[in-house]
Amino acid sequence: MTLTIHKLSTHCRSPKGIAGAGALVDDVGRGPLAFELSAQLGPSLERLPAVVRVRQLRIELAIPAGRLNASVLTDQWARAFALALHRALAYPEGDGTFCIRRYQSQAEYNAALLQYLLTEGTLPTWQFPELSEWQGQRAPQASHGFLLRDRTQIGDTITQLARTSWLEPLLGIWDEVQLERLMQGISATEEVERRMTLTSLVELARAAAAPGGLHSQWSMANRRQAVRLWSRLARRFQLRAIWHGLRLLLRFLERPDLLSCGDIALLSDPIPFPQWCEVLVQDAALALQQGAGTNDLTWNSNSSPTHYSKSVTTLGAILDDLRPLVPSSASAGRSGKWIESGNCGVLLLLSTVQRLGIARLASTPQFEQFGGPRAISFLLAALGMTLLDEWDPERPIDPAVALFAGMFSEVDRAGLKQFFLQSDVRSIADVIHAETWPNALQLLATDLTRAFAQRIRGFRQASREAVVKQFLRIPGRVLIEEQRLLVILASSPWAVALHISGMDESLTGIEWLLGRRVDFVLEGL
C-alpha cells in the first residue's frame, strides 16, 4: 500500500530570535518527511484494506528552539504523523471521530468513485480527490477517462459495478465511440482473440435468454449488451467474441434459414463478422444435413466426434425463447416483409405530421377527387422526398418515404403525377399558403422539421438541414405486417435525445397507415 497526502497545510510559530523556522518546515515537508514516514510506518499499512481515505489529520508538535534542526524536525514530525494516523485507523468507519472510508479492493474504490461521479458530478471531494483531473467535464467523458486510465483494473471494476447495479447506468451514458474504446481497452488485457464454438454460442444464447439476461431497454447486439453479459458470464469469454456472438445470434433470429443453409453471404454487414462466425454457420448447417433422418445426430469435425447437431437443435430452441425478447428478430411470416433504407428516420416524422393535422385534407373536395386518403399519400410522398432533397415525379420513391406516405403496395406513379398536375395548390391553404406545388412542398417541409425539432431536447433551434442530416437520414429496416410497422433504426449519436424526448414511443391512430401500429427500436440504446 502507498500513502498519499493530497494536501499538506502547515502553521509554524517560533520565537522572534529564531530566523528561518518557516523555511525549514517547508523544506522538510517537501523533502525528507516522505522518506522518514515510509521508514517509520514500514509494513504496518499492508494489513489495511486496499484503499483507505482519511479526510484530515491534525498534528501538533513542539520542539525546543535549541534542538530545532532538519533532522529532529523530520523525525518528530514523522512520529507524530504515524501516531495520529494509527489512532485514526483504529476507529471504525462511521464512528464520527474521524471521517474515514475503507475499500477492500481498488476495483471497489473505482466503482464507488464512478457511482459518485454519476450522481454528484466531477466536483472534487476528500473521498475521491482524483476527480480534480476531470473537474468541469461532463459525466460521460470523465467516467470514461477515469476507467480507461488503468486498463488492468477495467474488468474488476466492471464486475464490481455489476454487483452493485451501477453498470447499466454507466454504460447508458456512453456513445458508441466510447463503448468501442472501452472494448479496445479490455481487449488489450485479454489474450489473442479466440473463436467461439457452437457449444459456447449455445451457452451465450442461454445466458441471454435467461430471466434478466438481456437488458430490456437495449438492442440485443450492441456493445452495451455485450459488456453486461461479459460481466454476468464471469468474463469466461472474451468481450469482443461475446459481441460478435450476439450479432450472430441476432442474424440467426432475423434469418432463420441461415442456420440450415450455411450461406455466409447472408452475414454481409457494415461491421464484418470474424471468420469464426462463417465457420460456425457452415458447420451448423452441415451438422443438420448430416443428422437429418438419423437417430444419432452426430457430426465429426477434424476426426473428433462432437454433438453438433444436438447443439444446433438446442440453439434453435433457445432462439425461440429469445425471439419475443428481441423486437428486431420478428419473422416476417406470410403476411409481412422487410424493407431497408438509408432514410428510415423519416418515419419518426409520423407523429409530427399527425399533430399538424395534414390528414384532415382528405375530406376536402380537391383531395376527394383523387381518392381522399390516396391523395394524402401522394402529398406525403412528395413531402418526404422534398425533405431528402430528391423530389422529382419521375424518380423512384424511397422505400421508407413510401411507408411514411402509407403506400404499402407498388407506388401509383401515374396517379402521383396526375395529382400534382391537375390539383390546385390552394387546396392546402388551411395548412400552408403558396403559389406553386414546389413552393408549397418546400414551405411545408420547413414547417414540419421545425415542429419536429421543437419536440427534441437540445435541438429546438436546429435548422431543417440539421434535422434531415441527424434524424431523417438514419439507416434502418422496417418489418411490414398486417397490423404493425416495426421500425429498426441503426445506432446513432442522437438516439439518446430521441429516446429522452419520447420519439421512439409506439404510435397508433395514424390515419393513412390503415390502422397499423408503429413500433420503434433504436439500436445502440
Protein backbone atom coordinates (compact mmCIF):
# COMPACT_ATOMS: atom_id res chain seq x y z
CA MET A 1 0.00 0.00 0.00
CA THR A 2 1.16 3.54 -0.72
CA LEU A 3 0.45 6.57 1.42
CA THR A 4 -0.56 9.75 -0.40
CA ILE A 5 -1.08 13.12 1.27
CA HIS A 6 -3.22 15.12 -1.11
CA LYS A 7 -2.87 18.39 0.75
CA LEU A 8 -0.36 19.31 3.45
CA SER A 9 -1.02 22.58 5.32
CA THR A 10 1.46 23.80 7.94
CA HIS A 11 1.40 26.58 10.50
CA CYS A 12 4.68 27.42 12.29
CA ARG A 13 5.11 29.55 15.44
CA SER A 14 8.64 30.38 16.56
CA PRO A 15 10.35 32.86 18.94
CA LYS A 16 11.38 36.17 17.48
CA GLY A 17 15.02 35.31 17.80
CA ILE A 18 14.75 32.18 15.64
CA ALA A 19 15.16 33.01 11.98
CA GLY A 20 14.20 30.70 9.08
CA ALA A 21 11.94 28.33 11.06
CA GLY A 22 9.18 28.61 8.46
CA ALA A 23 11.56 27.90 5.60
CA LEU A 24 12.89 24.87 7.48
CA VAL A 25 9.38 23.48 7.88
CA ASP A 26 8.71 23.93 4.17
CA ASP A 27 11.95 22.23 3.19
CA VAL A 28 11.29 19.21 5.45
CA GLY A 29 7.68 18.91 4.27
CA ARG A 30 8.76 18.85 0.63
CA GLY A 31 11.69 16.53 1.05
CA PRO A 32 12.83 14.23 3.89
CA LEU A 33 9.42 13.91 5.59
CA ALA A 34 8.15 11.45 2.97
CA PHE A 35 11.20 9.16 3.33
CA GLU A 36 11.02 9.22 7.13
CA LEU A 37 7.28 8.45 7.09
CA SER A 38 7.95 5.45 4.87
CA ALA A 39 10.63 4.20 7.28
CA GLN A 40 8.54 4.66 10.42
CA LEU A 41 5.29 3.25 9.04
CA GLY A 42 7.10 0.33 7.44
CA PRO A 43 4.85 -2.67 6.71
CA SER A 44 2.17 -1.57 9.21
CA LEU A 45 -0.12 -0.37 6.39
CA GLU A 46 0.00 -3.65 4.49
CA ARG A 47 -2.67 -5.16 6.76
CA LEU A 48 -5.16 -2.44 5.82
CA PRO A 49 -7.78 -2.68 3.06
CA ALA A 50 -6.58 -1.80 -0.45
CA VAL A 51 -7.79 1.80 -0.29
CA VAL A 52 -8.40 3.90 2.82
CA ARG A 53 -9.38 7.56 2.71
CA VAL A 54 -8.99 9.79 5.78
CA ARG A 55 -10.44 13.26 5.45
CA GLN A 56 -7.85 15.02 7.63
CA LEU A 57 -5.34 14.56 10.44
CA ARG A 58 -4.46 17.34 12.86
CA ILE A 59 -0.91 17.08 14.24
CA GLU A 60 0.79 19.34 16.76
CA LEU A 61 4.37 19.07 18.00
CA ALA A 62 6.69 21.36 19.96
CA ILE A 63 10.47 21.34 19.56
CA PRO A 64 12.75 23.35 21.88
CA ALA A 65 14.45 26.16 19.96
CA GLY A 66 17.89 24.85 20.89
CA ARG A 67 17.19 21.47 19.25
CA LEU A 68 15.45 22.70 16.12
CA ASN A 69 17.15 21.39 13.01
CA ALA A 70 16.10 19.42 9.91
CA SER A 71 16.91 16.01 11.39
CA VAL A 72 14.99 16.49 14.65
CA LEU A 73 12.03 18.11 12.90
CA THR A 74 11.80 15.28 10.34
CA ASP A 75 11.97 12.55 13.00
CA GLN A 76 9.43 14.06 15.41
CA TRP A 77 7.06 15.17 12.67
CA ALA A 78 7.03 11.66 11.18
CA ARG A 79 6.49 10.09 14.63
CA ALA A 80 3.58 12.41 15.39
CA PHE A 81 2.05 11.77 12.00
CA ALA A 82 2.37 7.98 12.29
CA LEU A 83 0.80 8.04 15.76
CA ALA A 84 -2.13 10.20 14.59
CA LEU A 85 -2.67 8.00 11.53
CA HIS A 86 -2.75 4.76 13.51
CA ARG A 87 -5.09 6.33 16.03
CA ALA A 88 -7.47 7.36 13.23
CA LEU A 89 -7.30 3.95 11.58
CA ALA A 90 -8.25 2.29 14.87
CA TYR A 91 -11.70 3.89 14.76
CA PRO A 92 -14.48 2.11 12.86
CA GLU A 93 -15.99 3.73 9.78
CA GLY A 94 -18.95 5.90 10.70
CA ASP A 95 -17.81 6.39 14.29
CA GLY A 96 -17.85 10.16 13.83
CA THR A 97 -14.50 10.85 15.45
CA PHE A 98 -12.72 10.70 12.11
CA CYS A 99 -14.11 10.89 8.57
CA ILE A 100 -12.77 7.70 7.08
CA ARG A 101 -13.72 5.36 4.20
CA ARG A 102 -12.35 1.86 3.56
CA TYR A 103 -12.46 -0.13 0.31
CA GLN A 104 -11.38 -3.76 0.24
CA SER A 105 -10.05 -3.58 -3.33
CA GLN A 106 -9.01 -1.00 -5.90
CA ALA A 107 -11.96 -2.09 -8.04
CA GLU A 108 -14.37 -1.43 -5.17
CA TYR A 109 -12.90 2.05 -4.79
CA ASN A 110 -13.10 2.69 -8.55
CA ALA A 111 -16.73 1.61 -8.63
CA ALA A 112 -17.59 3.86 -5.69
CA LEU A 113 -15.91 6.80 -7.43
CA LEU A 114 -17.85 6.18 -10.64
CA GLN A 115 -21.10 5.92 -8.70
CA TYR A 116 -20.32 9.25 -7.02
CA LEU A 117 -19.46 10.80 -10.39
CA LEU A 118 -22.77 9.66 -11.91
CA THR A 119 -24.82 11.08 -9.06
CA GLU A 120 -22.84 14.12 -7.87
CA GLY A 121 -20.68 15.16 -10.84
CA THR A 122 -16.96 15.88 -11.04
CA LEU A 123 -16.58 18.36 -8.18
CA PRO A 124 -13.61 17.00 -6.16
CA THR A 125 -14.22 15.62 -2.69
CA TRP A 126 -11.93 14.26 0.02
CA GLN A 127 -13.27 10.79 -0.70
CA PHE A 128 -12.24 10.93 -4.38
CA PRO A 129 -9.54 13.58 -4.88
CA GLU A 130 -8.69 12.17 -8.34
CA LEU A 131 -11.81 13.87 -9.67
CA SER A 132 -9.88 17.14 -9.79
CA GLU A 133 -8.33 15.84 -13.04
CA TRP A 134 -11.75 15.85 -14.72
CA GLN A 135 -13.32 18.79 -12.92
CA GLY A 136 -15.73 20.63 -15.19
CA GLN A 137 -16.11 17.76 -17.65
CA ARG A 138 -19.41 16.03 -18.30
CA ALA A 139 -20.06 12.66 -16.69
CA PRO A 140 -19.63 10.55 -19.89
CA GLN A 141 -16.18 11.96 -20.65
CA ALA A 142 -14.99 11.98 -17.04
CA SER A 143 -16.15 8.44 -16.22
CA HIS A 144 -14.74 7.07 -19.46
CA GLY A 145 -11.37 8.75 -18.90
CA PHE A 146 -11.14 7.52 -15.32
CA LEU A 147 -11.98 3.91 -16.15
CA LEU A 148 -9.51 3.72 -19.04
CA ARG A 149 -6.58 5.25 -17.19
CA ASP A 150 -5.62 1.84 -15.75
CA ARG A 151 -6.62 -0.92 -18.16
CA THR A 152 -5.62 -3.67 -15.75
CA GLN A 153 -8.46 -2.61 -13.44
CA ILE A 154 -11.25 -2.30 -16.03
CA GLY A 155 -12.52 -5.86 -15.76
CA ASP A 156 -12.63 -5.98 -11.97
CA THR A 157 -14.22 -2.53 -11.80
CA ILE A 158 -16.95 -3.54 -14.25
CA THR A 159 -17.60 -6.68 -12.22
CA GLN A 160 -17.94 -4.59 -9.06
CA LEU A 161 -20.27 -2.13 -10.81
CA ALA A 162 -22.45 -5.01 -11.97
CA ARG A 163 -22.52 -6.38 -8.42
CA THR A 164 -23.83 -3.04 -7.10
CA SER A 165 -26.27 -2.48 -10.02
CA TRP A 166 -24.37 0.56 -11.32
CA LEU A 167 -23.05 -0.94 -14.55
CA GLU A 168 -26.18 -0.21 -16.62
CA PRO A 169 -26.38 3.49 -15.64
CA LEU A 170 -22.71 3.91 -16.55
CA LEU A 171 -22.93 2.14 -19.90
CA GLY A 172 -26.12 4.04 -20.69
CA ILE A 173 -24.39 7.45 -20.80
CA TRP A 174 -21.62 6.44 -23.24
CA ASP A 175 -21.88 6.72 -27.02
CA GLU A 176 -20.74 4.08 -29.50
CA VAL A 177 -17.27 5.58 -29.88
CA GLN A 178 -16.68 5.46 -26.11
CA LEU A 179 -18.03 1.92 -25.93
CA GLU A 180 -15.70 0.80 -28.72
CA ARG A 181 -12.73 2.37 -26.93
CA LEU A 182 -13.76 0.52 -23.79
CA MET A 183 -13.82 -2.74 -25.74
CA GLN A 184 -10.39 -1.96 -27.15
CA GLY A 185 -9.08 -1.27 -23.64
CA ILE A 186 -10.44 -4.57 -22.36
CA SER A 187 -9.22 -6.48 -25.41
CA ALA A 188 -5.70 -5.17 -24.80
CA THR A 189 -5.63 -7.06 -21.49
CA GLU A 190 -7.08 -10.28 -22.92
CA GLU A 191 -5.29 -12.96 -24.86
CA VAL A 192 -5.35 -13.16 -28.64
CA GLU A 193 -8.98 -13.38 -29.74
CA ARG A 194 -10.37 -16.88 -29.54
CA ARG A 195 -13.22 -18.10 -31.70
CA MET A 196 -16.49 -19.25 -30.23
CA THR A 197 -17.58 -22.80 -30.79
CA LEU A 198 -21.19 -23.80 -31.24
CA THR A 199 -21.19 -25.03 -27.64
CA SER A 200 -20.06 -21.68 -26.31
CA LEU A 201 -22.54 -19.89 -28.58
CA VAL A 202 -25.30 -22.02 -27.06
CA GLU A 203 -24.11 -21.02 -23.60
CA LEU A 204 -24.15 -17.35 -24.60
CA ALA A 205 -27.65 -17.70 -26.06
CA ARG A 206 -28.83 -19.43 -22.90
CA ALA A 207 -27.45 -16.59 -20.76
CA ALA A 208 -29.16 -14.01 -22.99
CA ALA A 209 -32.48 -15.87 -22.83
CA ALA A 210 -32.38 -16.32 -19.04
CA PRO A 211 -34.55 -14.02 -16.87
CA GLY A 212 -32.77 -10.69 -16.72
CA GLY A 213 -30.23 -11.84 -19.29
CA LEU A 214 -30.83 -9.10 -21.83
CA HIS A 215 -31.30 -5.51 -20.72
CA SER A 216 -34.85 -4.74 -21.85
CA GLN A 217 -34.06 -1.18 -23.00
CA TRP A 218 -31.07 -2.08 -25.19
CA SER A 219 -30.95 -3.76 -28.57
CA MET A 220 -29.66 -7.30 -28.46
CA ALA A 221 -26.43 -6.98 -30.41
CA ASN A 222 -24.95 -3.71 -29.21
CA ARG A 223 -21.76 -3.19 -27.27
CA ARG A 224 -23.55 -2.31 -24.02
CA GLN A 225 -25.34 -5.65 -24.02
CA ALA A 226 -22.04 -7.43 -24.71
CA VAL A 227 -20.25 -5.76 -21.78
CA ARG A 228 -23.15 -6.59 -19.49
CA LEU A 229 -23.21 -10.28 -20.48
CA TRP A 230 -19.43 -10.42 -20.33
CA SER A 231 -19.67 -9.49 -16.67
CA ARG A 232 -22.59 -11.81 -15.97
CA LEU A 233 -20.68 -14.71 -17.52
CA ALA A 234 -17.77 -14.04 -15.15
CA ARG A 235 -15.60 -12.92 -18.09
CA ARG A 236 -15.15 -16.53 -19.18
CA PHE A 237 -15.38 -15.49 -22.83
CA GLN A 238 -13.58 -12.64 -24.48
CA LEU A 239 -15.63 -9.47 -24.71
CA ARG A 240 -15.35 -8.98 -28.45
CA ALA A 241 -16.20 -12.62 -29.05
CA ILE A 242 -19.37 -12.14 -26.98
CA TRP A 243 -20.28 -9.08 -29.03
CA HIS A 244 -19.82 -10.93 -32.32
CA GLY A 245 -21.68 -13.89 -30.82
CA LEU A 246 -24.67 -11.69 -30.01
CA ARG A 247 -24.57 -10.27 -33.52
CA LEU A 248 -24.56 -13.78 -34.94
CA LEU A 249 -27.48 -14.84 -32.73
CA LEU A 250 -29.44 -11.82 -33.91
CA ARG A 251 -28.70 -12.74 -37.53
CA PHE A 252 -29.98 -16.26 -36.83
CA LEU A 253 -33.15 -14.73 -35.37
CA GLU A 254 -33.72 -12.41 -38.31
CA ARG A 255 -32.78 -15.03 -40.92
CA PRO A 256 -33.78 -18.45 -39.53
CA ASP A 257 -32.77 -20.07 -42.83
CA LEU A 258 -29.14 -19.08 -42.14
CA LEU A 259 -28.90 -21.80 -39.51
CA SER A 260 -29.70 -24.51 -42.03
CA CYS A 261 -28.39 -23.21 -45.36
CA GLY A 262 -24.95 -22.08 -44.18
CA ASP A 263 -24.76 -19.32 -46.79
CA ILE A 264 -22.13 -16.95 -45.37
CA ALA A 265 -23.19 -14.30 -47.91
CA LEU A 266 -26.10 -13.65 -45.54
CA LEU A 267 -23.55 -12.46 -42.96
CA SER A 268 -22.74 -9.39 -45.06
CA ASP A 269 -22.67 -6.42 -42.69
CA PRO A 270 -21.04 -2.95 -42.47
CA ILE A 271 -19.19 -4.32 -39.44
CA PRO A 272 -17.60 -7.54 -40.76
CA PHE A 273 -18.18 -10.77 -38.90
CA PRO A 274 -14.97 -12.61 -37.93
CA GLN A 275 -14.03 -15.73 -39.85
CA TRP A 276 -15.02 -17.99 -36.96
CA CYS A 277 -18.64 -16.88 -37.39
CA GLU A 278 -18.57 -18.06 -41.01
CA VAL A 279 -17.07 -21.41 -39.99
CA LEU A 280 -19.64 -21.84 -37.25
CA VAL A 281 -22.53 -21.13 -39.63
CA GLN A 282 -21.24 -23.63 -42.18
CA ASP A 283 -20.57 -26.30 -39.56
CA ALA A 284 -24.04 -25.89 -38.08
CA ALA A 285 -25.70 -26.23 -41.47
CA LEU A 286 -23.60 -29.29 -42.36
CA ALA A 287 -24.42 -30.85 -39.00
CA LEU A 288 -28.14 -30.55 -39.68
CA GLN A 289 -27.70 -32.05 -43.12
CA GLN A 290 -25.62 -34.95 -41.78
CA GLY A 291 -28.03 -35.65 -38.96
CA ALA A 292 -31.27 -35.36 -40.91
CA GLY A 293 -33.24 -38.61 -40.86
CA THR A 294 -30.92 -40.41 -38.43
CA ASN A 295 -31.24 -41.26 -34.78
CA ASP A 296 -27.63 -40.46 -33.98
CA LEU A 297 -27.30 -36.73 -34.51
CA THR A 298 -23.52 -36.57 -34.53
CA TRP A 299 -21.17 -34.51 -36.68
CA ASN A 300 -17.49 -35.35 -37.00
CA SER A 301 -15.18 -32.35 -37.23
CA ASN A 302 -11.44 -32.91 -37.62
CA SER A 303 -11.94 -36.57 -36.71
CA SER A 304 -13.20 -35.58 -33.25
CA PRO A 305 -16.84 -36.60 -32.64
CA THR A 306 -18.90 -33.71 -31.33
CA HIS A 307 -22.64 -33.42 -30.90
CA TYR A 308 -23.01 -30.53 -33.33
CA SER A 309 -26.50 -31.49 -34.50
CA LYS A 310 -27.70 -31.76 -30.92
CA SER A 311 -26.19 -28.35 -30.22
CA VAL A 312 -27.91 -26.89 -33.29
CA THR A 313 -31.23 -28.29 -32.09
CA THR A 314 -30.62 -26.82 -28.64
CA LEU A 315 -29.69 -23.48 -30.18
CA GLY A 316 -32.89 -23.47 -32.23
CA ALA A 317 -34.98 -23.98 -29.10
CA ILE A 318 -33.17 -21.18 -27.28
CA LEU A 319 -33.64 -18.85 -30.26
CA ASP A 320 -37.38 -19.48 -29.99
CA ASP A 321 -37.17 -18.31 -26.38
CA LEU A 322 -35.17 -15.24 -27.39
CA ARG A 323 -37.41 -14.14 -30.26
CA PRO A 324 -40.13 -12.49 -28.11
CA LEU A 325 -37.43 -10.54 -26.23
CA VAL A 326 -35.90 -9.10 -29.40
CA PRO A 327 -38.33 -6.97 -31.44
CA SER A 328 -35.98 -6.72 -34.42
CA SER A 329 -35.93 -10.52 -34.76
CA ALA A 330 -39.61 -10.82 -35.62
CA SER A 331 -40.17 -13.16 -38.50
CA ALA A 332 -41.98 -11.64 -41.46
CA GLY A 333 -44.09 -14.74 -41.97
CA ARG A 334 -46.69 -14.97 -44.71
CA SER A 335 -48.17 -11.51 -44.27
CA GLY A 336 -45.07 -9.44 -43.73
CA LYS A 337 -41.83 -8.42 -45.36
CA TRP A 338 -38.67 -6.46 -44.55
CA ILE A 339 -37.55 -3.34 -46.39
CA GLU A 340 -34.28 -1.47 -45.93
CA SER A 341 -33.47 2.19 -46.47
CA GLY A 342 -30.80 4.72 -45.63
CA ASN A 343 -33.57 7.17 -44.66
CA CYS A 344 -35.70 5.21 -42.20
CA GLY A 345 -35.52 8.15 -39.79
CA VAL A 346 -38.20 9.83 -41.92
CA LEU A 347 -40.73 7.59 -40.15
CA LEU A 348 -40.00 9.49 -36.94
CA LEU A 349 -41.99 12.34 -38.51
CA LEU A 350 -45.26 10.37 -38.48
CA SER A 351 -46.46 11.71 -35.13
CA THR A 352 -45.50 15.28 -36.08
CA VAL A 353 -47.45 15.05 -39.35
CA GLN A 354 -50.39 13.78 -37.35
CA ARG A 355 -50.11 16.73 -34.95
CA LEU A 356 -50.08 19.19 -37.85
CA GLY A 357 -53.44 17.80 -38.99
CA ILE A 358 -52.48 17.20 -42.61
CA ALA A 359 -54.71 14.13 -42.77
CA ARG A 360 -57.83 16.30 -42.46
CA LEU A 361 -57.24 17.45 -46.03
CA ALA A 362 -58.51 14.06 -47.22
CA SER A 363 -62.10 15.24 -46.76
CA THR A 364 -61.71 18.42 -48.84
CA PRO A 365 -63.29 18.46 -52.33
CA GLN A 366 -59.97 18.72 -54.20
CA PHE A 367 -58.49 15.73 -52.37
CA GLU A 368 -61.70 13.68 -52.65
CA GLN A 369 -61.43 13.96 -56.43
CA PHE A 370 -58.19 11.97 -56.18
CA GLY A 371 -59.41 9.42 -53.66
CA GLY A 372 -59.11 11.32 -50.36
CA PRO A 373 -56.57 9.19 -48.39
CA ARG A 374 -54.93 8.27 -51.70
CA ALA A 375 -54.25 11.95 -52.35
CA ILE A 376 -52.84 12.33 -48.82
CA SER A 377 -50.36 9.58 -49.67
CA PHE A 378 -49.34 11.45 -52.81
CA LEU A 379 -48.79 14.65 -50.83
CA LEU A 380 -46.78 12.89 -48.09
CA ALA A 381 -44.63 11.01 -50.61
CA ALA A 382 -43.72 14.28 -52.32
CA LEU A 383 -43.15 15.93 -48.93
CA GLY A 384 -40.85 13.13 -47.77
CA MET A 385 -38.79 13.22 -50.95
CA THR A 386 -38.61 17.02 -50.74
CA LEU A 387 -37.16 16.70 -47.25
CA LEU A 388 -34.48 14.41 -48.65
CA ASP A 389 -33.90 16.93 -51.46
CA GLU A 390 -34.73 14.27 -54.02
CA TRP A 391 -38.25 15.17 -55.16
CA ASP A 392 -38.92 14.56 -58.82
CA PRO A 393 -42.13 12.87 -60.00
CA GLU A 394 -40.02 10.87 -62.45
CA ARG A 395 -37.69 9.45 -59.81
CA PRO A 396 -38.41 6.35 -57.64
CA ILE A 397 -39.82 6.93 -54.17
CA ASP A 398 -37.51 5.88 -51.33
CA PRO A 399 -38.97 2.73 -49.64
CA ALA A 400 -39.07 4.41 -46.20
CA VAL A 401 -40.76 7.50 -47.67
CA ALA A 402 -43.34 5.25 -49.35
CA LEU A 403 -44.19 3.74 -45.93
CA PHE A 404 -44.22 7.23 -44.40
CA ALA A 405 -46.85 8.11 -47.02
CA GLY A 406 -48.90 4.97 -46.36
CA MET A 407 -48.02 3.28 -49.66
CA PHE A 408 -47.88 -0.45 -48.89
CA SER A 409 -48.04 -1.72 -52.45
CA GLU A 410 -46.46 -0.55 -55.67
CA VAL A 411 -46.40 3.22 -55.95
CA ASP A 412 -49.12 4.58 -58.25
CA ARG A 413 -46.75 6.76 -60.27
CA ALA A 414 -49.38 7.77 -62.83
CA GLY A 415 -51.78 8.88 -60.11
CA LEU A 416 -48.98 10.74 -58.32
CA LYS A 417 -48.10 12.74 -61.43
CA GLN A 418 -51.75 13.43 -62.20
CA PHE A 419 -52.38 14.77 -58.70
CA PHE A 420 -49.65 17.40 -58.90
CA LEU A 421 -50.51 18.34 -62.48
CA GLN A 422 -54.25 18.76 -62.04
CA SER A 423 -54.88 19.65 -58.38
CA ASP A 424 -54.87 23.24 -57.18
CA VAL A 425 -52.20 24.14 -54.62
CA ARG A 426 -54.79 26.36 -52.90
CA SER A 427 -56.44 23.14 -51.75
CA ILE A 428 -53.91 23.02 -48.87
CA ALA A 429 -54.35 26.67 -47.88
CA ASP A 430 -55.53 25.56 -44.44
CA VAL A 431 -52.06 24.14 -43.88
CA ILE A 432 -49.73 26.34 -45.94
CA HIS A 433 -50.07 29.29 -48.36
CA ALA A 434 -48.11 29.04 -51.60
CA GLU A 435 -48.41 29.83 -55.30
CA THR A 436 -46.99 26.57 -56.67
CA TRP A 437 -46.67 22.99 -55.54
CA PRO A 438 -42.84 23.05 -55.39
CA ASN A 439 -43.01 26.17 -53.21
CA ALA A 440 -45.72 24.63 -51.05
CA LEU A 441 -43.69 21.46 -50.51
CA GLN A 442 -40.61 23.44 -49.50
CA LEU A 443 -42.56 25.57 -47.02
CA LEU A 444 -44.34 22.52 -45.62
CA ALA A 445 -41.02 20.65 -45.27
CA THR A 446 -39.56 23.55 -43.30
CA ASP A 447 -42.60 23.76 -41.01
CA LEU A 448 -42.54 20.01 -40.44
CA THR A 449 -38.85 19.89 -39.46
CA ARG A 450 -39.30 22.93 -37.22
CA ALA A 451 -42.23 21.27 -35.42
CA PHE A 452 -40.23 18.05 -35.12
CA ALA A 453 -37.16 19.82 -33.71
CA GLN A 454 -39.31 21.58 -31.10
CA ARG A 455 -40.01 18.16 -29.57
CA ILE A 456 -36.34 17.08 -29.26
CA ARG A 457 -34.46 18.27 -26.21
CA GLY A 458 -31.32 20.12 -27.16
CA PHE A 459 -32.38 20.53 -30.80
CA ARG A 460 -35.27 23.01 -30.55
CA GLN A 461 -33.33 25.61 -32.56
CA ALA A 462 -31.96 23.10 -35.10
CA SER A 463 -32.19 24.02 -38.76
CA ARG A 464 -34.05 22.00 -41.36
CA GLU A 465 -30.74 20.79 -42.79
CA ALA A 466 -29.58 19.61 -39.35
CA VAL A 467 -32.83 17.72 -38.70
CA VAL A 468 -32.57 15.96 -42.06
CA LYS A 469 -28.91 15.04 -41.58
CA GLN A 470 -29.07 13.97 -37.94
CA PHE A 471 -32.52 12.37 -37.69
CA LEU A 472 -34.10 11.61 -41.06
CA ARG A 473 -31.10 10.09 -42.80
CA ILE A 474 -30.75 7.33 -40.23
CA PRO A 475 -30.44 3.96 -41.99
CA GLY A 476 -32.51 1.04 -40.84
CA ARG A 477 -35.04 -1.59 -41.79
CA VAL A 478 -38.79 -1.94 -41.41
CA LEU A 479 -40.92 -5.02 -40.95
CA ILE A 480 -44.29 -4.56 -42.65
CA GLU A 481 -47.04 -6.64 -41.06
CA GLU A 482 -50.79 -6.55 -41.45
CA GLN A 483 -51.28 -4.79 -38.12
CA ARG A 484 -47.89 -3.21 -37.49
CA LEU A 485 -44.80 -1.46 -38.78
CA LEU A 486 -41.66 -2.36 -36.83
CA VAL A 487 -39.03 0.32 -37.47
CA ILE A 488 -35.45 -0.63 -36.54
CA LEU A 489 -33.17 2.43 -36.66
CA ALA A 490 -29.41 1.93 -36.77
CA SER A 491 -27.23 3.16 -33.94
CA SER A 492 -26.95 6.95 -33.96
CA PRO A 493 -25.31 9.58 -31.73
CA TRP A 494 -28.72 11.21 -31.45
CA ALA A 495 -30.60 8.09 -30.28
CA VAL A 496 -30.47 9.20 -26.64
CA ALA A 497 -32.03 12.56 -27.50
CA LEU A 498 -34.82 10.79 -29.39
CA HIS A 499 -35.44 8.39 -26.54
CA ILE A 500 -35.46 11.07 -23.83
CA SER A 501 -37.93 13.09 -25.90
CA GLY A 502 -40.23 10.07 -26.33
CA MET A 503 -39.91 9.99 -30.12
CA ASP A 504 -39.46 6.19 -30.08
CA GLU A 505 -42.78 5.55 -28.35
CA SER A 506 -45.28 3.37 -30.22
CA LEU A 507 -47.82 5.15 -32.40
CA THR A 508 -51.44 4.29 -33.04
CA GLY A 509 -54.24 6.05 -34.87
CA ILE A 510 -52.13 7.25 -37.84
CA GLU A 511 -54.99 7.63 -40.31
CA TRP A 512 -53.10 6.95 -43.53
CA LEU A 513 -51.39 3.77 -42.26
CA LEU A 514 -54.61 1.74 -42.45
CA GLY A 515 -54.81 1.03 -38.73
CA ARG A 516 -51.28 -0.23 -38.30
CA ARG A 517 -49.41 0.37 -35.05
CA VAL A 518 -45.86 1.70 -35.41
CA ASP A 519 -43.15 0.39 -33.05
CA PHE A 520 -39.64 1.84 -32.96
CA VAL A 521 -36.40 0.20 -31.89
CA LEU A 522 -33.35 2.44 -31.52
CA GLU A 523 -30.26 0.28 -31.85
CA GLY A 524 -27.38 1.24 -29.60
CA LEU A 525 -29.50 2.08 -26.55
